[in-house]
Protein backbone atom coordinates (compact mmCIF):
# COMPACT_ATOMS: atom_id res chain seq x y z
CA LEU A 1 12.89 -9.79 17.75
CA ALA A 2 10.51 -11.97 19.72
CA SER A 3 13.32 -14.23 20.91
CA VAL A 4 15.35 -11.21 22.11
CA TRP A 5 12.43 -9.76 24.03
CA ALA A 6 11.59 -13.12 25.55
CA GLY A 7 14.98 -13.19 27.28
CA LYS A 8 16.08 -11.59 30.55
CA SER A 9 16.43 -8.14 28.96
CA ALA A 10 12.65 -8.02 28.51
CA ALA A 11 12.13 -7.63 32.24
CA THR A 12 13.94 -4.28 32.24
CA LEU A 13 12.90 -2.85 28.86
CA THR A 14 10.96 0.37 29.44
CA ALA A 15 10.52 1.86 25.94
CA VAL A 16 9.74 0.42 22.51
CA ASP A 17 9.70 2.69 19.46
CA LEU A 18 8.52 0.89 16.33
CA SER A 19 7.24 4.02 14.61
CA ASN A 20 7.28 4.13 10.82
CA THR A 21 8.57 0.58 10.47
CA GLY A 22 5.81 -0.85 8.27
CA LEU A 23 4.65 -3.06 11.13
CA GLY A 24 1.14 -3.51 9.75
CA ALA A 25 -1.55 -5.77 11.20
CA GLU A 26 0.45 -8.99 10.94
CA GLY A 27 3.46 -7.47 12.70
CA CYS A 28 1.19 -6.05 15.36
CA GLN A 29 -0.34 -9.46 15.98
CA THR A 30 3.14 -10.92 16.43
CA LEU A 31 4.09 -8.01 18.69
CA SER A 32 1.01 -8.49 20.85
CA GLY A 33 2.19 -12.01 21.66
CA VAL A 34 5.51 -10.62 22.88
CA LEU A 35 4.27 -7.61 24.83
CA GLY A 36 3.21 -9.81 27.73
CA CYS A 37 6.90 -10.33 28.49
CA LEU A 38 7.56 -6.59 28.67
CA THR A 39 6.14 -5.98 32.11
CA SER A 40 8.33 -2.91 32.76
CA LEU A 41 7.28 -1.14 29.55
CA THR A 42 6.29 2.49 30.13
CA GLN A 43 6.46 3.84 26.54
CA LEU A 44 5.11 2.28 23.34
CA ASN A 45 5.27 4.07 19.99
CA LEU A 46 3.51 2.40 17.06
CA SER A 47 2.83 5.56 15.06
CA SER A 48 2.86 5.70 11.24
CA ASN A 49 2.55 1.96 10.67
CA MET A 50 -0.62 1.66 8.56
CA LEU A 51 -2.23 -0.39 11.30
CA CYS A 52 -5.74 -1.46 10.28
CA LEU A 53 -8.61 -2.81 12.38
CA GLU A 54 -6.78 -6.07 13.09
CA GLY A 55 -3.71 -4.15 14.22
CA GLY A 56 -5.81 -2.06 16.58
CA GLN A 57 -7.43 -5.16 18.02
CA ALA A 58 -4.01 -6.78 18.50
CA VAL A 59 -2.72 -3.69 20.33
CA ALA A 60 -5.84 -3.64 22.50
CA SER A 61 -5.45 -7.29 23.48
CA SER A 62 -1.86 -6.72 24.57
CA LEU A 63 -2.55 -3.64 26.69
CA VAL A 64 -3.75 -5.74 29.61
CA HIS A 65 -0.14 -6.86 30.16
CA LEU A 66 1.30 -3.33 30.18
CA GLN A 67 0.22 -2.11 33.60
CA LEU A 68 3.06 0.44 33.87
CA LEU A 69 2.38 2.01 30.47
CA ALA A 70 2.57 5.80 30.72
CA SER A 71 2.82 6.74 27.03
CA LEU A 72 1.09 5.23 23.98
CA ASN A 73 1.49 6.71 20.49
CA LEU A 74 -0.84 5.42 17.76
CA ARG A 75 -1.08 8.48 15.51
CA ASP A 76 -1.02 8.21 11.73
CA ASN A 77 -2.59 4.76 11.51
CA LYS A 78 -5.74 3.46 9.83
CA MET A 79 -7.35 1.33 12.50
CA GLY A 80 -10.80 2.75 11.89
CA PHE A 81 -13.39 3.55 14.50
CA GLU A 82 -13.63 -0.06 15.74
CA GLY A 83 -9.86 -0.41 16.11
CA TYR A 84 -9.49 2.83 18.04
CA THR A 85 -12.53 1.97 20.15
CA ALA A 86 -10.97 -1.38 21.08
CA VAL A 87 -7.79 0.40 22.19
CA THR A 88 -9.48 3.22 24.10
CA GLN A 89 -11.75 0.81 26.00
CA CYS A 90 -8.64 -0.84 27.47
CA LEU A 91 -7.02 2.42 28.56
CA GLY A 92 -9.21 2.93 31.60
CA GLN A 93 -7.33 0.04 33.22
CA HIS A 94 -4.03 1.94 33.03
CA PRO A 95 -3.69 4.36 35.95
CA HIS A 96 -0.15 5.37 34.90
CA LEU A 97 -1.10 6.42 31.36
CA LYS A 98 -0.35 10.12 30.93
CA ASP A 99 0.23 10.49 27.17
CA PHE A 100 -1.96 9.02 24.45
CA TRP A 101 -1.63 10.20 20.85
CA LEU A 102 -4.25 9.62 18.17
CA GLU A 103 -4.14 12.75 16.02
CA LYS A 104 -4.06 12.36 12.25
CA PHE A 105 -5.93 9.09 12.40
CA CYS A 106 -8.31 7.84 9.77
CA LEU A 107 -11.71 6.46 10.74
CA GLU A 108 -12.45 4.96 7.31
């Protein structure tokens, strides 16, 4: 997946839906290393992936590269308060963000 996104097609990719794929924290950390190549990304769906604190932190660290992001779906994950806080603190830097889903999240 990383090698595909690192190619020329990454420059034009606008939506990534990895919902309910069992991504987990490790997958999210790998994904965060790739998201920097997806500069045209406007939609990112990582819902229902059992993301924990580390997954939330990985998502947060990658958001800086996604300046065109308009939609972010993180519902049904278990990032905890610290993970969600890390993500939400980065969102103020995204003037295009219109949709942000967190419902059904667990703060434990």
